[in-house]
Amino acid sequence: MSWLRDDDDMLDHPKWRRALRDGGADALLIWWRLRAWCARRLTDGDVPEDMVAEVGEVRGARRTRALRALVDASLVEWRG
């Protein structure tokens, strides 16, 4: 079993302020679920592109908006 640690004031960081403003709470959910996916599979942060759609419950335009906000805030790197 792996563990994830989060800083209790991470959402006050400018990167997170931007991501939440532009992607809403969906950005946080997707980011956390991506991290959990990586931790469980010990992928060192890499998620195959075809698996991104499998992570989290957010779909459609909301998912696209949230992922774009995470990339724009430099919280996720997209290598597509």
Protein backbone atom coordinates (compact mmCIF):
# COMPACT_ATOMS: atom_id res chain seq x y z
CA MET A 1 0.00 0.00 0.00
CA SER A 2 1.27 3.46 -0.85
CA TRP A 3 0.49 6.75 0.88
CA LEU A 4 -0.09 10.27 -0.39
CA ARG A 5 0.81 13.37 1.56
CA ASP A 6 -0.71 16.78 0.93
CA ASP A 7 0.30 20.08 2.45
CA ASP A 8 -2.55 21.56 4.49
CA ASP A 9 -2.11 24.98 2.89
CA MET A 10 -1.46 23.85 -0.70
CA LEU A 11 -4.71 25.39 -1.93
CA ASP A 12 -3.41 28.83 -0.93
CA HIS A 13 -0.51 28.53 -3.40
CA PRO A 14 -0.87 30.75 -6.51
CA LYS A 15 -0.78 27.70 -8.79
CA TRP A 16 -3.75 26.20 -6.99
CA ARG A 17 -5.61 29.52 -6.84
CA ARG A 18 -5.33 29.70 -10.65
CA ALA A 19 -6.30 26.06 -11.18
CA LEU A 20 -9.35 26.32 -8.92
CA ARG A 21 -10.42 29.62 -10.46
CA ASP A 22 -10.17 28.26 -14.01
CA GLY A 23 -11.07 24.61 -13.49
CA GLY A 24 -13.20 24.64 -10.37
CA ALA A 25 -13.30 21.84 -7.83
CA ASP A 26 -13.12 19.37 -10.73
CA ALA A 27 -9.45 20.30 -11.12
CA LEU A 28 -8.70 19.30 -7.54
CA LEU A 29 -10.62 16.03 -7.85
CA ILE A 30 -8.87 15.05 -11.08
CA TRP A 31 -5.43 16.03 -9.74
CA TRP A 32 -5.94 14.02 -6.57
CA ARG A 33 -7.29 11.00 -8.44
CA LEU A 34 -4.35 11.11 -10.89
CA ARG A 35 -1.94 11.15 -7.96
CA ALA A 36 -3.71 8.25 -6.31
CA TRP A 37 -3.64 6.29 -9.57
CA CYS A 38 0.12 6.85 -9.88
CA ALA A 39 0.79 5.98 -6.25
CA ARG A 40 -1.18 2.76 -6.43
CA ARG A 41 0.64 1.65 -9.58
CA LEU A 42 4.04 3.08 -8.61
CA THR A 43 4.33 4.91 -11.94
CA ASP A 44 6.44 7.80 -10.64
CA GLY A 45 3.84 10.29 -11.84
CA ASP A 46 3.27 8.99 -15.36
CA VAL A 47 -0.28 8.28 -16.50
CA PRO A 48 -0.73 6.86 -20.00
CA GLU A 49 -2.94 9.13 -22.11
CA ASP A 50 -5.59 6.45 -22.57
CA MET A 51 -5.87 6.06 -18.77
CA VAL A 52 -6.48 9.77 -18.05
CA ALA A 53 -10.11 9.35 -19.13
CA GLU A 54 -10.48 6.43 -16.71
CA VAL A 55 -9.44 8.45 -13.65
CA GLY A 56 -12.14 10.36 -11.78
CA GLU A 57 -15.82 10.88 -12.39
CA VAL A 58 -15.59 14.18 -14.24
CA ARG A 59 -16.49 13.85 -17.93
CA GLY A 60 -16.86 15.89 -21.10
CA ALA A 61 -16.28 19.62 -21.23
CA ARG A 62 -15.85 19.81 -17.45
CA ARG A 63 -12.96 17.33 -17.62
CA THR A 64 -11.34 19.21 -20.50
CA ARG A 65 -11.67 22.51 -18.64
CA ALA A 66 -10.23 21.07 -15.41
CA LEU A 67 -7.30 19.36 -17.14
CA ARG A 68 -6.51 22.54 -19.10
CA ALA A 69 -6.52 24.52 -15.83
CA LEU A 70 -4.11 22.01 -14.24
CA VAL A 71 -1.76 22.18 -17.22
CA ASP A 72 -1.93 25.99 -17.41
CA ALA A 73 -1.14 26.25 -13.68
CA SER A 74 1.85 23.87 -14.13
CA LEU A 75 0.35 21.31 -11.76
CA VAL A 76 0.18 18.66 -14.49
CA GLU A 77 2.45 18.21 -17.48
CA TRP A 78 0.79 17.00 -20.67
CA ARG A 79 3.06 15.11 -23.06
CA GLY A 80 0.50 14.36 -25.75
